[in-house]
PDB file of N, CA and C in Angstrom:
ATOM      1  N   UNK A   1      -3.210  11.453 -24.035  1.00  0.00           N
ATOM      2  CA  UNK A   1      -4.059  11.407 -22.867  1.00  0.00           C
ATOM      3  C   UNK A   1      -5.199  12.404 -23.076  1.00  0.00           C
ATOM      4  N   UNK A   2      -6.406  11.946 -23.002  1.00  0.00           N
ATOM      5  CA  UNK A   2      -7.571  12.804 -23.169  1.00  0.00           C
ATOM      6  C   UNK A   2      -7.924  13.424 -21.828  1.00  0.00           C
ATOM      7  N   UNK A   3      -8.208  14.712 -21.835  1.00  0.00           N
ATOM      8  CA  UNK A   3      -8.561  15.408 -20.604  1.00  0.00           C
ATOM      9  C   UNK A   3      -9.936  15.997 -20.718  1.00  0.00           C
ATOM     10  N   UNK A   4     -10.570  16.105 -19.575  1.00  0.00           N
ATOM     11  CA  UNK A   4     -11.849  16.809 -19.502  1.00  0.00           C
ATOM     12  C   UNK A   4     -11.637  18.029 -18.642  1.00  0.00           C
ATOM     13  N   UNK A   5     -12.268  19.108 -19.010  1.00  0.00           N
ATOM     14  CA  UNK A   5     -12.141  20.332 -18.230  1.00  0.00           C
ATOM     15  C   UNK A   5     -12.945  20.221 -16.945  1.00  0.00           C
ATOM     16  N   UNK A   6     -12.330  20.632 -15.855  1.00  0.00           N
ATOM     17  CA  UNK A   6     -13.028  20.688 -14.579  1.00  0.00           C
ATOM     18  C   UNK A   6     -13.835  21.971 -14.513  1.00  0.00           C
ATOM     19  N   UNK A   7     -14.974  21.957 -13.839  1.00  0.00           N
ATOM     20  CA  UNK A   7     -15.659  23.226 -13.587  1.00  0.00           C
ATOM     21  C   UNK A   7     -14.700  24.162 -12.851  1.00  0.00           C
ATOM     22  N   UNK A   8     -14.783  25.437 -13.137  1.00  0.00           N
ATOM     23  CA  UNK A   8     -13.827  26.396 -12.576  1.00  0.00           C
ATOM     24  C   UNK A   8     -13.766  26.340 -11.058  1.00  0.00           C
ATOM     25  N   UNK A   9     -14.904  26.249 -10.384  1.00  0.00           N
ATOM     26  CA  UNK A   9     -14.881  26.255  -8.927  1.00  0.00           C
ATOM     27  C   UNK A   9     -14.214  24.999  -8.380  1.00  0.00           C
ATOM     28  N   UNK A  10     -14.374  23.849  -9.044  1.00  0.00           N
ATOM     29  CA  UNK A  10     -13.727  22.624  -8.596  1.00  0.00           C
ATOM     30  C   UNK A  10     -12.222  22.700  -8.811  1.00  0.00           C
ATOM     31  N   UNK A  11     -11.806  23.231  -9.944  1.00  0.00           N
ATOM     32  CA  UNK A  11     -10.381  23.371 -10.224  1.00  0.00           C
ATOM     33  C   UNK A  11      -9.714  24.305  -9.214  1.00  0.00           C
ATOM     34  N   UNK A  12     -10.363  25.407  -8.899  1.00  0.00           N
ATOM     35  CA  UNK A  12      -9.811  26.366  -7.938  1.00  0.00           C
ATOM     36  C   UNK A  12      -9.724  25.732  -6.551  1.00  0.00           C
ATOM     37  N   UNK A  13     -10.755  25.015  -6.146  1.00  0.00           N
ATOM     38  CA  UNK A  13     -10.753  24.360  -4.836  1.00  0.00           C
ATOM     39  C   UNK A  13      -9.663  23.302  -4.774  1.00  0.00           C
ATOM     40  N   UNK A  14      -9.565  22.467  -5.799  1.00  0.00           N
ATOM     41  CA  UNK A  14      -8.534  21.431  -5.815  1.00  0.00           C
ATOM     42  C   UNK A  14      -7.145  22.043  -5.784  1.00  0.00           C
ATOM     43  N   UNK A  15      -6.948  23.118  -6.521  1.00  0.00           N
ATOM     44  CA  UNK A  15      -5.643  23.779  -6.543  1.00  0.00           C
ATOM     45  C   UNK A  15      -5.311  24.373  -5.181  1.00  0.00           C
ATOM     46  N   UNK A  16      -6.280  24.994  -4.540  1.00  0.00           N
ATOM     47  CA  UNK A  16      -6.039  25.590  -3.220  1.00  0.00           C
ATOM     48  C   UNK A  16      -5.703  24.521  -2.189  1.00  0.00           C
ATOM     49  N   UNK A  17      -6.422  23.414  -2.237  1.00  0.00           N
ATOM     50  CA  UNK A  17      -6.148  22.321  -1.300  1.00  0.00           C
ATOM     51  C   UNK A  17      -4.752  21.767  -1.529  1.00  0.00           C
ATOM     52  N   UNK A  18      -4.333  21.687  -2.795  1.00  0.00           N
ATOM     53  CA  UNK A  18      -3.009  21.166  -3.118  1.00  0.00           C
ATOM     54  C   UNK A  18      -1.905  22.180  -2.852  1.00  0.00           C
ATOM     55  N   UNK A  19      -2.248  23.413  -2.523  1.00  0.00           N
ATOM     56  CA  UNK A  19      -1.249  24.419  -2.195  1.00  0.00           C
ATOM     57  C   UNK A  19      -0.743  25.211  -3.378  1.00  0.00           C
ATOM     58  N   UNK A  20      -1.480  25.254  -4.469  1.00  0.00           N
ATOM     59  CA  UNK A  20      -1.050  25.987  -5.646  1.00  0.00           C
ATOM     60  C   UNK A  20      -1.608  27.395  -5.636  1.00  0.00           C
ATOM     61  N   UNK A  21      -0.808  28.315  -6.153  1.00  0.00           N
ATOM     62  CA  UNK A  21      -1.212  29.702  -6.316  1.00  0.00           C
ATOM     63  C   UNK A  21      -2.075  29.782  -7.575  1.00  0.00           C
ATOM     64  N   UNK A  22      -3.169  30.481  -7.482  1.00  0.00           N
ATOM     65  CA  UNK A  22      -4.065  30.631  -8.625  1.00  0.00           C
ATOM     66  C   UNK A  22      -3.763  31.959  -9.307  1.00  0.00           C
ATOM     67  N   UNK A  23      -3.362  31.928 -10.596  1.00  0.00           N
ATOM     68  CA  UNK A  23      -3.105  33.185 -11.296  1.00  0.00           C
ATOM     69  C   UNK A  23      -4.381  34.025 -11.392  1.00  0.00           C
ATOM     70  N   UNK A  24      -4.226  35.344 -11.216  1.00  0.00           N
ATOM     71  CA  UNK A  24      -5.379  36.240 -11.278  1.00  0.00           C
ATOM     72  C   UNK A  24      -5.936  36.301 -12.694  1.00  0.00           C
ATOM     73  N   UNK A  25      -5.075  36.438 -13.677  1.00  0.00           N
ATOM     74  CA  UNK A  25      -5.543  36.465 -15.068  1.00  0.00           C
ATOM     75  C   UNK A  25      -4.357  36.246 -15.985  1.00  0.00           C
ATOM     76  N   UNK A  26      -4.639  35.803 -17.183  1.00  0.00           N
ATOM     77  CA  UNK A  26      -3.591  35.597 -18.170  1.00  0.00           C
ATOM     78  C   UNK A  26      -2.740  34.384 -17.858  1.00  0.00           C
ATOM     79  N   UNK A  27      -1.838  34.070 -18.753  1.00  0.00           N
ATOM     80  CA  UNK A  27      -0.957  32.916 -18.575  1.00  0.00           C
ATOM     81  C   UNK A  27       0.289  33.334 -17.824  1.00  0.00           C
ATOM     82  N   UNK A  28       0.525  32.703 -16.723  1.00  0.00           N
ATOM     83  CA  UNK A  28       1.722  32.940 -15.931  1.00  0.00           C
ATOM     84  C   UNK A  28       2.573  31.680 -15.959  1.00  0.00           C
ATOM     85  N   UNK A  29       3.863  31.781 -15.593  1.00  0.00           N
ATOM     86  CA  UNK A  29       4.753  30.629 -15.701  1.00  0.00           C
ATOM     87  C   UNK A  29       4.252  29.356 -15.022  1.00  0.00           C
ATOM     88  N   UNK A  30       3.655  29.438 -13.858  1.00  0.00           N
ATOM     89  CA  UNK A  30       3.229  28.246 -13.149  1.00  0.00           C
ATOM     90  C   UNK A  30       1.880  27.700 -13.563  1.00  0.00           C
ATOM     91  N   UNK A  31       1.199  28.371 -14.471  1.00  0.00           N
ATOM     92  CA  UNK A  31      -0.160  27.965 -14.828  1.00  0.00           C
ATOM     93  C   UNK A  31      -0.194  26.576 -15.455  1.00  0.00           C
ATOM     94  N   UNK A  32       0.734  26.277 -16.357  1.00  0.00           N
ATOM     95  CA  UNK A  32       0.768  24.946 -16.969  1.00  0.00           C
ATOM     96  C   UNK A  32       1.051  23.897 -15.901  1.00  0.00           C
ATOM     97  N   UNK A  33       1.927  24.213 -14.960  1.00  0.00           N
ATOM     98  CA  UNK A  33       2.259  23.284 -13.891  1.00  0.00           C
ATOM     99  C   UNK A  33       1.040  22.975 -13.045  1.00  0.00           C
ATOM    100  N   UNK A  34       0.250  23.979 -12.756  1.00  0.00           N
ATOM    101  CA  UNK A  34      -0.949  23.786 -11.952  1.00  0.00           C
ATOM    102  C   UNK A  34      -1.863  22.760 -12.600  1.00  0.00           C
ATOM    103  N   UNK A  35      -2.152  22.946 -13.863  1.00  0.00           N
ATOM    104  CA  UNK A  35      -3.042  22.018 -14.555  1.00  0.00           C
ATOM    105  C   UNK A  35      -2.474  20.617 -14.619  1.00  0.00           C
ATOM    106  N   UNK A  36      -1.211  20.504 -14.982  1.00  0.00           N
ATOM    107  CA  UNK A  36      -0.594  19.177 -15.085  1.00  0.00           C
ATOM    108  C   UNK A  36      -0.499  18.500 -13.729  1.00  0.00           C
ATOM    109  N   UNK A  37      -0.193  19.264 -12.685  1.00  0.00           N
ATOM    110  CA  UNK A  37      -0.089  18.668 -11.353  1.00  0.00           C
ATOM    111  C   UNK A  37      -1.441  18.182 -10.857  1.00  0.00           C
ATOM    112  N   UNK A  38      -2.496  18.938 -11.155  1.00  0.00           N
ATOM    113  CA  UNK A  38      -3.840  18.487 -10.782  1.00  0.00           C
ATOM    114  C   UNK A  38      -4.215  17.227 -11.537  1.00  0.00           C
ATOM    115  N   UNK A  39      -3.874  17.182 -12.817  1.00  0.00           N
ATOM    116  CA  UNK A  39      -4.132  15.985 -13.615  1.00  0.00           C
ATOM    117  C   UNK A  39      -3.338  14.816 -13.054  1.00  0.00           C
ATOM    118  N   UNK A  40      -2.068  15.046 -12.721  1.00  0.00           N
ATOM    119  CA  UNK A  40      -1.227  13.977 -12.167  1.00  0.00           C
ATOM    120  C   UNK A  40      -1.806  13.439 -10.867  1.00  0.00           C
ATOM    121  N   UNK A  41      -2.250  14.338  -9.989  1.00  0.00           N
ATOM    122  CA  UNK A  41      -2.828  13.891  -8.715  1.00  0.00           C
ATOM    123  C   UNK A  41      -4.087  13.054  -8.944  1.00  0.00           C
ATOM    124  N   UNK A  42      -4.926  13.484  -9.869  1.00  0.00           N
ATOM    125  CA  UNK A  42      -6.143  12.726 -10.165  1.00  0.00           C
ATOM    126  C   UNK A  42      -5.803  11.364 -10.748  1.00  0.00           C
ATOM    127  N   UNK A  43      -4.855  11.326 -11.667  1.00  0.00           N
ATOM    128  CA  UNK A  43      -4.461  10.053 -12.271  1.00  0.00           C
ATOM    129  C   UNK A  43      -3.871   9.114 -11.229  1.00  0.00           C
ATOM    130  N   UNK A  44      -3.087   9.679 -10.314  1.00  0.00           N
ATOM    131  CA  UNK A  44      -2.534   8.859  -9.229  1.00  0.00           C
ATOM    132  C   UNK A  44      -3.621   8.253  -8.368  1.00  0.00           C
ATOM    133  N   UNK A  45      -4.651   9.039  -8.069  1.00  0.00           N
ATOM    134  CA  UNK A  45      -5.766   8.541  -7.271  1.00  0.00           C
ATOM    135  C   UNK A  45      -6.548   7.455  -8.010  1.00  0.00           C
ATOM    136  N   UNK A  46      -6.543   7.516  -9.325  1.00  0.00           N
ATOM    137  CA  UNK A  46      -7.250   6.517 -10.127  1.00  0.00           C
ATOM    138  C   UNK A  46      -6.401   5.270 -10.391  1.00  0.00           C
ATOM    139  N   UNK A  47      -5.167   5.274  -9.894  1.00  0.00           N
ATOM    140  CA  UNK A  47      -4.286   4.130 -10.099  1.00  0.00           C
ATOM    141  C   UNK A  47      -3.624   4.103 -11.471  1.00  0.00           C
ATOM    142  N   UNK A  48      -3.658   5.203 -12.173  1.00  0.00           N
ATOM    143  CA  UNK A  48      -3.047   5.282 -13.506  1.00  0.00           C
ATOM    144  C   UNK A  48      -1.630   5.826 -13.363  1.00  0.00           C
ATOM    145  N   UNK A  49      -0.774   4.985 -12.812  1.00  0.00           N
ATOM    146  CA  UNK A  49       0.589   5.349 -12.426  1.00  0.00           C
ATOM    147  C   UNK A  49       1.406   5.927 -13.580  1.00  0.00           C
ATOM    148  N   UNK A  50       1.445   5.247 -14.725  1.00  0.00           N
ATOM    149  CA  UNK A  50       2.261   5.719 -15.842  1.00  0.00           C
ATOM    150  C   UNK A  50       1.779   7.065 -16.359  1.00  0.00           C
ATOM    151  N   UNK A  51       0.465   7.248 -16.445  1.00  0.00           N
ATOM    152  CA  UNK A  51      -0.091   8.534 -16.882  1.00  0.00           C
ATOM    153  C   UNK A  51       0.219   9.628 -15.860  1.00  0.00           C
ATOM    154  N   UNK A  52       0.182   9.271 -14.595  1.00  0.00           N
ATOM    155  CA  UNK A  52       0.502  10.215 -13.520  1.00  0.00           C
ATOM    156  C   UNK A  52       1.947  10.704 -13.666  1.00  0.00           C
ATOM    157  N   UNK A  53       2.863   9.773 -13.874  1.00  0.00           N
ATOM    158  CA  UNK A  53       4.281  10.142 -14.027  1.00  0.00           C
ATOM    159  C   UNK A  53       4.465  11.008 -15.262  1.00  0.00           C
ATOM    160  N   UNK A  54       3.801  10.661 -16.357  1.00  0.00           N
ATOM    161  CA  UNK A  54       3.892  11.472 -17.580  1.00  0.00           C
ATOM    162  C   UNK A  54       3.400  12.897 -17.341  1.00  0.00           C
ATOM    163  N   UNK A  55       2.311  13.043 -16.607  1.00  0.00           N
ATOM    164  CA  UNK A  55       1.782  14.386 -16.319  1.00  0.00           C
ATOM    165  C   UNK A  55       2.756  15.179 -15.451  1.00  0.00           C
ATOM    166  N   UNK A  56       3.383  14.509 -14.486  1.00  0.00           N
ATOM    167  CA  UNK A  56       4.377  15.198 -13.653  1.00  0.00           C
ATOM    168  C   UNK A  56       5.575  15.641 -14.487  1.00  0.00           C
ATOM    169  N   UNK A  57       6.019  14.805 -15.400  1.00  0.00           N
ATOM    170  CA  UNK A  57       7.146  15.170 -16.258  1.00  0.00           C
ATOM    171  C   UNK A  57       6.779  16.311 -17.201  1.00  0.00           C
ATOM    172  N   UNK A  58       5.537  16.345 -17.645  1.00  0.00           N
ATOM    173  CA  UNK A  58       5.076  17.458 -18.479  1.00  0.00           C
ATOM    174  C   UNK A  58       5.072  18.751 -17.677  1.00  0.00           C
ATOM    175  N   UNK A  59       4.594  18.679 -16.444  1.00  0.00           N
ATOM    176  CA  UNK A  59       4.613  19.864 -15.572  1.00  0.00           C
ATOM    177  C   UNK A  59       6.036  20.343 -15.376  1.00  0.00           C
ATOM    178  N   UNK A  60       6.937  19.410 -15.144  1.00  0.00           N
ATOM    179  CA  UNK A  60       8.347  19.774 -14.950  1.00  0.00           C
ATOM    180  C   UNK A  60       8.904  20.422 -16.216  1.00  0.00           C
ATOM    181  N   UNK A  61       8.542  19.920 -17.370  1.00  0.00           N
ATOM    182  CA  UNK A  61       9.023  20.489 -18.631  1.00  0.00           C
ATOM    183  C   UNK A  61       8.591  21.952 -18.774  1.00  0.00           C
ATOM    184  N   UNK A  62       7.334  22.254 -18.415  1.00  0.00           N
ATOM    185  CA  UNK A  62       6.806  23.612 -18.555  1.00  0.00           C
ATOM    186  C   UNK A  62       7.359  24.567 -17.509  1.00  0.00           C
ATOM    187  N   UNK A  63       7.536  24.102 -16.295  1.00  0.00           N
ATOM    188  CA  UNK A  63       7.986  24.981 -15.200  1.00  0.00           C
ATOM    189  C   UNK A  63       8.735  24.158 -14.157  1.00  0.00           C
ATOM    190  N   UNK A  64      10.000  23.857 -14.421  1.00  0.00           N
ATOM    191  CA  UNK A  64      10.747  22.982 -13.517  1.00  0.00           C
ATOM    192  C   UNK A  64      10.856  23.504 -12.085  1.00  0.00           C
ATOM    193  N   UNK A  65      11.153  24.781 -11.916  1.00  0.00           N
ATOM    194  CA  UNK A  65      11.325  25.314 -10.562  1.00  0.00           C
ATOM    195  C   UNK A  65      10.021  25.234  -9.775  1.00  0.00           C
ATOM    196  N   UNK A  66       8.930  25.568 -10.433  1.00  0.00           N
ATOM    197  CA  UNK A  66       7.619  25.527  -9.789  1.00  0.00           C
ATOM    198  C   UNK A  66       7.268  24.092  -9.406  1.00  0.00           C
ATOM    199  N   UNK A  67       7.518  23.166 -10.304  1.00  0.00           N
ATOM    200  CA  UNK A  67       7.210  21.759 -10.046  1.00  0.00           C
ATOM    201  C   UNK A  67       8.039  21.222  -8.888  1.00  0.00           C
ATOM    202  N   UNK A  68       9.320  21.501  -8.882  1.00  0.00           N
ATOM    203  CA  UNK A  68      10.217  20.965  -7.849  1.00  0.00           C
ATOM    204  C   UNK A  68       9.916  21.540  -6.466  1.00  0.00           C
ATOM    205  N   UNK A  69       9.383  22.745  -6.423  1.00  0.00           N
ATOM    206  CA  UNK A  69       9.173  23.421  -5.139  1.00  0.00           C
ATOM    207  C   UNK A  69       7.833  23.105  -4.486  1.00  0.00           C
ATOM    208  N   UNK A  70       6.883  22.574  -5.220  1.00  0.00           N
ATOM    209  CA  UNK A  70       5.533  22.350  -4.688  1.00  0.00           C
ATOM    210  C   UNK A  70       5.474  21.161  -3.741  1.00  0.00           C
ATOM    211  N   UNK A  71       5.076  21.388  -2.479  1.00  0.00           N
ATOM    212  CA  UNK A  71       4.950  20.277  -1.530  1.00  0.00           C
ATOM    213  C   UNK A  71       4.001  19.178  -2.008  1.00  0.00           C
ATOM    214  N   UNK A  72       2.914  19.546  -2.672  1.00  0.00           N
ATOM    215  CA  UNK A  72       1.964  18.537  -3.151  1.00  0.00           C
ATOM    216  C   UNK A  72       2.602  17.646  -4.216  1.00  0.00           C
ATOM    217  N   UNK A  73       3.405  18.236  -5.083  1.00  0.00           N
ATOM    218  CA  UNK A  73       4.087  17.453  -6.119  1.00  0.00           C
ATOM    219  C   UNK A  73       5.150  16.569  -5.480  1.00  0.00           C
ATOM    220  N   UNK A  74       5.908  17.128  -4.555  1.00  0.00           N
ATOM    221  CA  UNK A  74       6.954  16.339  -3.874  1.00  0.00           C
ATOM    222  C   UNK A  74       6.335  15.160  -3.131  1.00  0.00           C
ATOM    223  N   UNK A  75       5.203  15.376  -2.515  1.00  0.00           N
ATOM    224  CA  UNK A  75       4.509  14.303  -1.805  1.00  0.00           C
ATOM    225  C   UNK A  75       4.040  13.223  -2.774  1.00  0.00           C
ATOM    226  N   UNK A  76       3.512  13.639  -3.902  1.00  0.00           N
ATOM    227  CA  UNK A  76       3.057  12.695  -4.915  1.00  0.00           C
ATOM    228  C   UNK A  76       4.227  11.866  -5.447  1.00  0.00           C
ATOM    229  N   UNK A  77       5.345  12.511  -5.738  1.00  0.00           N
ATOM    230  CA  UNK A  77       6.528  11.798  -6.240  1.00  0.00           C
ATOM    231  C   UNK A  77       7.040  10.820  -5.178  1.00  0.00           C
ATOM    232  N   UNK A  78       7.098  11.257  -3.927  1.00  0.00           N
ATOM    233  CA  UNK A  78       7.534  10.367  -2.844  1.00  0.00           C
ATOM    234  C   UNK A  78       6.625   9.153  -2.733  1.00  0.00           C
ATOM    235  N   UNK A  79       5.328   9.379  -2.833  1.00  0.00           N
ATOM    236  CA  UNK A  79       4.374   8.279  -2.776  1.00  0.00           C
ATOM    237  C   UNK A  79       4.552   7.301  -3.928  1.00  0.00           C
ATOM    238  N   UNK A  80       4.813   7.827  -5.111  1.00  0.00           N
ATOM    239  CA  UNK A  80       5.048   6.957  -6.268  1.00  0.00           C
ATOM    240  C   UNK A  80       6.309   6.116  -6.080  1.00  0.00           C
ATOM    241  N   UNK A  81       7.340   6.717  -5.516  1.00  0.00           N
ATOM    242  CA  UNK A  81       8.581   5.978  -5.270  1.00  0.00           C
ATOM    243  C   UNK A  81       8.365   4.839  -4.272  1.00  0.00           C
ATOM    244  N   UNK A  82       7.550   5.097  -3.267  1.00  0.00           N
ATOM    245  CA  UNK A  82       7.351   4.123  -2.197  1.00  0.00           C
ATOM    246  C   UNK A  82       6.323   3.054  -2.530  1.00  0.00           C
ATOM    247  N   UNK A  83       5.465   3.316  -3.518  1.00  0.00           N
ATOM    248  CA  UNK A  83       4.313   2.442  -3.704  1.00  0.00           C
ATOM    249  C   UNK A  83       4.426   1.437  -4.845  1.00  0.00           C
ATOM    250  N   UNK A  84       5.494   1.428  -5.548  1.00  0.00           N
ATOM    251  CA  UNK A  84       5.559   0.481  -6.657  1.00  0.00           C
ATOM    252  C   UNK A  84       6.851   0.586  -7.429  1.00  0.00           C
ATOM    253  N   UNK A  85       6.815   0.021  -8.610  1.00  0.00           N
ATOM    254  CA  UNK A  85       8.024   0.018  -9.431  1.00  0.00           C
ATOM    255  C   UNK A  85       8.434   1.452  -9.766  1.00  0.00           C
ATOM    256  N   UNK A  86       9.712   1.626  -9.911  1.00  0.00           N
ATOM    257  CA  UNK A  86      10.211   2.947 -10.284  1.00  0.00           C
ATOM    258  C   UNK A  86      10.838   2.856 -11.670  1.00  0.00           C
ATOM    259  N   UNK A  87      10.911   3.993 -12.300  1.00  0.00           N
ATOM    260  CA  UNK A  87      11.557   4.094 -13.605  1.00  0.00           C
ATOM    261  C   UNK A  87      12.674   5.114 -13.495  1.00  0.00           C
ATOM    262  N   UNK A  88      13.536   5.128 -14.484  1.00  0.00           N
ATOM    263  CA  UNK A  88      14.606   6.127 -14.467  1.00  0.00           C
ATOM    264  C   UNK A  88      14.019   7.535 -14.541  1.00  0.00           C
ATOM    265  N   UNK A  89      12.911   7.704 -15.262  1.00  0.00           N
ATOM    266  CA  UNK A  89      12.274   9.023 -15.358  1.00  0.00           C
ATOM    267  C   UNK A  89      11.752   9.478 -13.998  1.00  0.00           C
ATOM    268  N   UNK A  90      11.111   8.574 -13.254  1.00  0.00           N
ATOM    269  CA  UNK A  90      10.594   8.916 -11.925  1.00  0.00           C
ATOM    270  C   UNK A  90      11.740   9.200 -10.957  1.00  0.00           C
ATOM    271  N   UNK A  91      12.777   8.362 -10.984  1.00  0.00           N
ATOM    272  CA  UNK A  91      13.929   8.597 -10.102  1.00  0.00           C
ATOM    273  C   UNK A  91      14.630   9.911 -10.455  1.00  0.00           C
ATOM    274  N   UNK A  92      14.698  10.228 -11.758  1.00  0.00           N
ATOM    275  CA  UNK A  92      15.296  11.498 -12.177  1.00  0.00           C
ATOM    276  C   UNK A  92      14.508  12.686 -11.669  1.00  0.00           C
ATOM    277  N   UNK A  93      13.193  12.624 -11.784  1.00  0.00           N
ATOM    278  CA  UNK A  93      12.340  13.693 -11.267  1.00  0.00           C
ATOM    279  C   UNK A  93      12.523  13.836  -9.766  1.00  0.00           C
ATOM    280  N   UNK A  94      12.571  12.710  -9.073  1.00  0.00           N
ATOM    281  CA  UNK A  94      12.769  12.741  -7.618  1.00  0.00           C
ATOM    282  C   UNK A  94      14.112  13.375  -7.266  1.00  0.00           C
ATOM    283  N   UNK A  95      15.154  13.032  -8.003  1.00  0.00           N
ATOM    284  CA  UNK A  95      16.483  13.607  -7.738  1.00  0.00           C
ATOM    285  C   UNK A  95      16.493  15.102  -8.011  1.00  0.00           C
ATOM    286  N   UNK A  96      15.900  15.515  -9.110  1.00  0.00           N
ATOM    287  CA  UNK A  96      15.870  16.949  -9.448  1.00  0.00           C
ATOM    288  C   UNK A  96      15.017  17.745  -8.473  1.00  0.00           C
ATOM    289  N   UNK A  97      14.061  17.077  -7.839  1.00  0.00           N
ATOM    290  CA  UNK A  97      13.209  17.721  -6.849  1.00  0.00           C
ATOM    291  C   UNK A  97      13.806  17.704  -5.445  1.00  0.00           C
ATOM    292  N   UNK A  98      14.951  17.061  -5.298  1.00  0.00           N
ATOM    293  CA  UNK A  98      15.622  16.991  -4.005  1.00  0.00           C
ATOM    294  C   UNK A  98      15.075  15.908  -3.088  1.00  0.00           C
ATOM    295  N   UNK A  99      14.271  15.000  -3.629  1.00  0.00           N
ATOM    296  CA  UNK A  99      13.712  13.918  -2.832  1.00  0.00           C
ATOM    297  C   UNK A  99      14.729  12.800  -2.669  1.00  0.00           C
ATOM    298  N   UNK A 100      15.438  12.495  -3.743  1.00  0.00           N
ATOM    299  CA  UNK A 100      16.540  11.522  -3.701  1.00  0.00           C
ATOM    300  C   UNK A 100      17.839  12.286  -3.731  1.00  0.00           C
ATOM    301  N   UNK A 101      18.757  11.872  -2.922  1.00  0.00           N
ATOM    302  CA  UNK A 101      20.059  12.550  -2.926  1.00  0.00           C
ATOM    303  C   UNK A 101      21.167  11.607  -3.324  1.00  0.00           C
TER     304      UNK A 101
END
């Protein structure tokens, strides 16, 4: 998946709207999750469902606790479950996030 860098002010605004904490400096545990979750949200808005799910799984791989706890990510996963076909990977992510019981 090819990515383009967002201008810093747009990335910060998008992250704040999505409810993500912005690291002050350096690499912190949730930093990879922030980027992947923003990419996943954008891909979801573009209708690129499979790429969106892949980005969410990548975020989970880098920081599972951070990914599972984020309301914006949980909302995105819930929307994916309700809006179309599901896969075992998506259902697994939903279960690990506490969306499916």
